[in-house]
Amino acid sequence: MYNLAGIASADEDTTIFIVEGEKDATTAGELGVLATTNADGAGKWRVEDTQTLIKLGARRVVVCPDNDGPGIEHGIRVAKMFQQANI
């Protein structure tokens, strides 16, 4: 996962944005937003990725999918994993 050091140093009130791709995560950071992404693109988010963010203190996440079929499916899948984790 991308930007884990930034997430680990954030407080629990920080909203973490989950985007598709390192370029988007970097752009979000330049805008003052803390963001991360998974490796290998859309459809590759793992339960372990959700667990890692929760262990690092993530309590509020916003999923920002790409505006295409795979991106939207990916965003829904990621959001459902966080809903099921009950953070």
N, C-alpha and C. Protein backbone atom coordinates (compact mmCIF):
# COMPACT_ATOMS: atom_id res chain seq x y z
N MET A 1 0.84 -1.18 0.00
CA MET A 1 0.00 0.00 0.00
C MET A 1 0.88 1.24 0.00
N TYR A 2 0.33 2.29 -0.53
CA TYR A 2 1.05 3.54 -0.72
C TYR A 2 0.80 4.50 0.44
N ASN A 3 1.83 5.17 0.88
CA ASN A 3 1.76 6.24 1.90
C ASN A 3 1.42 5.73 3.30
N LEU A 4 1.85 4.54 3.64
CA LEU A 4 1.55 4.00 4.97
C LEU A 4 2.21 4.80 6.08
N ALA A 5 3.38 5.36 5.81
CA ALA A 5 4.05 6.16 6.85
C ALA A 5 3.20 7.38 7.21
N GLY A 6 2.63 8.02 6.22
CA GLY A 6 1.77 9.17 6.48
C GLY A 6 0.53 8.79 7.25
N ILE A 7 -0.04 7.66 6.92
CA ILE A 7 -1.24 7.19 7.63
C ILE A 7 -0.90 6.81 9.06
N ALA A 8 0.24 6.17 9.25
CA ALA A 8 0.64 5.75 10.60
C ALA A 8 0.86 6.95 11.51
N SER A 9 1.28 8.08 10.95
CA SER A 9 1.56 9.25 11.78
C SER A 9 0.34 10.16 11.96
N ALA A 10 -0.76 9.86 11.29
CA ALA A 10 -1.97 10.68 11.39
C ALA A 10 -2.74 10.34 12.66
N ASP A 11 -3.51 11.30 13.14
CA ASP A 11 -4.35 11.00 14.31
C ASP A 11 -5.66 10.34 13.86
N GLU A 12 -6.40 9.80 14.81
CA GLU A 12 -7.61 9.04 14.50
C GLU A 12 -8.71 9.88 13.88
N ASP A 13 -8.65 11.20 14.03
CA ASP A 13 -9.67 12.06 13.46
C ASP A 13 -9.42 12.39 11.99
N THR A 14 -8.28 11.97 11.47
CA THR A 14 -7.94 12.27 10.08
C THR A 14 -8.72 11.37 9.14
N THR A 15 -9.33 11.97 8.15
CA THR A 15 -10.01 11.21 7.11
C THR A 15 -8.98 10.74 6.10
N ILE A 16 -9.04 9.48 5.75
CA ILE A 16 -8.12 8.91 4.77
C ILE A 16 -8.90 8.64 3.48
N PHE A 17 -8.38 9.15 2.40
CA PHE A 17 -8.99 8.95 1.09
C PHE A 17 -8.33 7.77 0.41
N ILE A 18 -9.14 6.90 -0.13
CA ILE A 18 -8.64 5.75 -0.87
C ILE A 18 -8.91 6.02 -2.35
N VAL A 19 -7.84 6.14 -3.09
CA VAL A 19 -7.93 6.48 -4.51
C VAL A 19 -7.38 5.32 -5.33
N GLU A 20 -7.50 5.45 -6.64
CA GLU A 20 -6.99 4.39 -7.52
C GLU A 20 -5.72 4.88 -8.19
N GLY A 21 -4.60 4.50 -7.63
CA GLY A 21 -3.32 4.83 -8.23
C GLY A 21 -2.47 5.77 -7.40
N GLU A 22 -1.16 5.54 -7.45
CA GLU A 22 -0.21 6.35 -6.69
C GLU A 22 -0.22 7.80 -7.15
N LYS A 23 -0.41 8.03 -8.44
CA LYS A 23 -0.45 9.40 -8.95
C LYS A 23 -1.58 10.18 -8.28
N ASP A 24 -2.75 9.55 -8.14
CA ASP A 24 -3.87 10.22 -7.49
C ASP A 24 -3.60 10.44 -6.00
N ALA A 25 -2.95 9.49 -5.35
CA ALA A 25 -2.62 9.65 -3.94
C ALA A 25 -1.62 10.79 -3.74
N THR A 26 -0.67 10.90 -4.64
CA THR A 26 0.30 11.99 -4.57
C THR A 26 -0.38 13.33 -4.80
N THR A 27 -1.25 13.39 -5.79
CA THR A 27 -1.99 14.63 -6.06
C THR A 27 -2.83 15.03 -4.86
N ALA A 28 -3.50 14.06 -4.24
CA ALA A 28 -4.29 14.35 -3.04
C ALA A 28 -3.41 14.94 -1.95
N GLY A 29 -2.23 14.37 -1.77
CA GLY A 29 -1.30 14.89 -0.77
C GLY A 29 -0.88 16.33 -1.05
N GLU A 30 -0.69 16.65 -2.32
CA GLU A 30 -0.33 18.01 -2.70
C GLU A 30 -1.47 18.99 -2.39
N LEU A 31 -2.69 18.47 -2.33
CA LEU A 31 -3.86 19.29 -1.99
C LEU A 31 -4.15 19.30 -0.50
N GLY A 32 -3.28 18.63 0.29
CA GLY A 32 -3.44 18.62 1.73
C GLY A 32 -4.33 17.52 2.27
N VAL A 33 -4.57 16.51 1.45
CA VAL A 33 -5.43 15.40 1.84
C VAL A 33 -4.58 14.14 1.99
N LEU A 34 -4.83 13.36 3.02
CA LEU A 34 -4.10 12.12 3.23
C LEU A 34 -4.77 11.01 2.43
N ALA A 35 -4.01 10.38 1.53
CA ALA A 35 -4.58 9.37 0.65
C ALA A 35 -3.66 8.17 0.52
N THR A 36 -4.25 7.05 0.16
CA THR A 36 -3.51 5.83 -0.08
C THR A 36 -4.15 5.10 -1.26
N THR A 37 -3.48 4.07 -1.70
CA THR A 37 -3.98 3.21 -2.76
C THR A 37 -3.33 1.84 -2.61
N ASN A 38 -3.92 0.87 -3.24
CA ASN A 38 -3.34 -0.47 -3.21
C ASN A 38 -2.45 -0.69 -4.42
N ALA A 39 -1.68 -1.74 -4.37
CA ALA A 39 -0.82 -2.11 -5.49
C ALA A 39 -1.64 -2.77 -6.59
N ASP A 40 -1.20 -2.61 -7.80
CA ASP A 40 -1.72 -3.33 -8.97
C ASP A 40 -3.08 -2.89 -9.48
N GLY A 41 -3.60 -1.76 -9.05
CA GLY A 41 -4.78 -1.18 -9.66
C GLY A 41 -6.12 -1.70 -9.18
N ALA A 42 -7.15 -1.35 -9.93
CA ALA A 42 -8.53 -1.67 -9.57
C ALA A 42 -8.74 -3.17 -9.45
N GLY A 43 -9.55 -3.53 -8.46
CA GLY A 43 -9.89 -4.93 -8.26
C GLY A 43 -8.88 -5.71 -7.45
N LYS A 44 -7.85 -5.05 -7.00
CA LYS A 44 -6.78 -5.76 -6.26
C LYS A 44 -6.77 -5.45 -4.76
N TRP A 45 -7.76 -4.72 -4.26
CA TRP A 45 -7.83 -4.42 -2.83
C TRP A 45 -8.06 -5.72 -2.08
N ARG A 46 -7.33 -5.89 -0.98
CA ARG A 46 -7.43 -7.12 -0.20
C ARG A 46 -7.99 -6.83 1.19
N VAL A 47 -8.54 -7.83 1.80
CA VAL A 47 -9.01 -7.71 3.18
C VAL A 47 -7.86 -7.23 4.06
N GLU A 48 -6.67 -7.71 3.77
CA GLU A 48 -5.49 -7.32 4.54
C GLU A 48 -5.22 -5.82 4.44
N ASP A 49 -5.55 -5.22 3.30
CA ASP A 49 -5.37 -3.77 3.15
C ASP A 49 -6.29 -3.03 4.11
N THR A 50 -7.53 -3.47 4.19
CA THR A 50 -8.48 -2.88 5.13
C THR A 50 -7.97 -3.04 6.56
N GLN A 51 -7.54 -4.24 6.90
CA GLN A 51 -7.06 -4.52 8.25
C GLN A 51 -5.84 -3.67 8.59
N THR A 52 -4.95 -3.48 7.62
CA THR A 52 -3.75 -2.67 7.86
C THR A 52 -4.13 -1.23 8.19
N LEU A 53 -5.05 -0.66 7.42
CA LEU A 53 -5.46 0.73 7.70
C LEU A 53 -6.13 0.86 9.05
N ILE A 54 -6.95 -0.10 9.41
CA ILE A 54 -7.61 -0.07 10.72
C ILE A 54 -6.57 -0.18 11.84
N LYS A 55 -5.61 -1.07 11.69
CA LYS A 55 -4.56 -1.21 12.70
C LYS A 55 -3.73 0.06 12.84
N LEU A 56 -3.60 0.81 11.75
CA LEU A 56 -2.85 2.07 11.80
C LEU A 56 -3.68 3.22 12.35
N GLY A 57 -4.95 2.95 12.68
CA GLY A 57 -5.77 3.96 13.32
C GLY A 57 -6.83 4.61 12.44
N ALA A 58 -6.97 4.15 11.21
CA ALA A 58 -7.98 4.73 10.32
C ALA A 58 -9.37 4.48 10.89
N ARG A 59 -10.14 5.55 11.03
CA ARG A 59 -11.51 5.44 11.52
C ARG A 59 -12.51 6.03 10.54
N ARG A 60 -12.03 6.93 9.68
CA ARG A 60 -12.88 7.52 8.65
C ARG A 60 -12.17 7.42 7.32
N VAL A 61 -12.82 6.78 6.36
CA VAL A 61 -12.26 6.68 5.02
C VAL A 61 -13.28 7.17 4.00
N VAL A 62 -12.76 7.71 2.94
CA VAL A 62 -13.58 8.12 1.80
C VAL A 62 -13.00 7.42 0.59
N VAL A 63 -13.84 6.67 -0.11
CA VAL A 63 -13.39 5.95 -1.30
C VAL A 63 -13.68 6.82 -2.52
N CYS A 64 -12.66 7.04 -3.32
CA CYS A 64 -12.76 7.88 -4.52
C CYS A 64 -12.45 7.03 -5.75
N PRO A 65 -13.46 6.38 -6.31
CA PRO A 65 -13.20 5.49 -7.45
C PRO A 65 -12.95 6.25 -8.74
N ASP A 66 -12.24 5.62 -9.66
CA ASP A 66 -12.13 6.17 -11.00
C ASP A 66 -13.51 6.08 -11.66
N ASN A 67 -13.75 6.94 -12.63
CA ASN A 67 -15.05 7.01 -13.28
C ASN A 67 -15.11 6.08 -14.50
N ASP A 68 -14.92 4.80 -14.24
CA ASP A 68 -15.08 3.78 -15.28
C ASP A 68 -15.59 2.52 -14.60
N GLY A 69 -16.00 1.56 -15.37
CA GLY A 69 -16.59 0.33 -14.80
C GLY A 69 -15.71 -0.35 -13.77
N PRO A 70 -14.46 -0.67 -14.12
CA PRO A 70 -13.60 -1.32 -13.13
C PRO A 70 -13.37 -0.46 -11.88
N GLY A 71 -13.24 0.85 -12.09
CA GLY A 71 -13.01 1.75 -10.96
C GLY A 71 -14.19 1.80 -10.02
N ILE A 72 -15.39 1.86 -10.57
CA ILE A 72 -16.60 1.91 -9.74
C ILE A 72 -16.78 0.59 -9.00
N GLU A 73 -16.57 -0.52 -9.68
CA GLU A 73 -16.67 -1.83 -9.00
C GLU A 73 -15.65 -1.93 -7.87
N HIS A 74 -14.45 -1.45 -8.13
CA HIS A 74 -13.39 -1.46 -7.13
C HIS A 74 -13.80 -0.61 -5.92
N GLY A 75 -14.31 0.59 -6.18
CA GLY A 75 -14.73 1.48 -5.10
C GLY A 75 -15.82 0.87 -4.23
N ILE A 76 -16.78 0.23 -4.86
CA ILE A 76 -17.86 -0.42 -4.11
C ILE A 76 -17.30 -1.54 -3.25
N ARG A 77 -16.40 -2.32 -3.81
CA ARG A 77 -15.81 -3.45 -3.06
C ARG A 77 -15.02 -2.95 -1.84
N VAL A 78 -14.23 -1.90 -2.04
CA VAL A 78 -13.45 -1.34 -0.93
C VAL A 78 -14.37 -0.79 0.15
N ALA A 79 -15.38 -0.04 -0.25
CA ALA A 79 -16.32 0.53 0.72
C ALA A 79 -17.03 -0.56 1.52
N LYS A 80 -17.43 -1.62 0.86
CA LYS A 80 -18.10 -2.72 1.57
C LYS A 80 -17.18 -3.38 2.58
N MET A 81 -15.90 -3.50 2.25
CA MET A 81 -14.96 -4.10 3.21
C MET A 81 -14.86 -3.26 4.48
N PHE A 82 -14.85 -1.94 4.32
CA PHE A 82 -14.80 -1.08 5.50
C PHE A 82 -16.11 -1.12 6.28
N GLN A 83 -17.22 -1.17 5.58
CA GLN A 83 -18.53 -1.28 6.28
C GLN A 83 -18.58 -2.56 7.10
N GLN A 84 -18.10 -3.64 6.54
CA GLN A 84 -18.12 -4.92 7.24
C GLN A 84 -17.15 -4.94 8.42
N ALA A 85 -16.13 -4.09 8.36
CA ALA A 85 -15.16 -4.02 9.46
C ALA A 85 -15.70 -3.23 10.64
N ASN A 86 -16.78 -2.49 10.45
CA ASN A 86 -17.42 -1.71 11.52
C ASN A 86 -16.46 -0.75 12.21
N ILE A 87 -15.76 0.06 11.43
CA ILE A 87 -14.85 1.02 12.05
C ILE A 87 -15.61 2.27 12.43
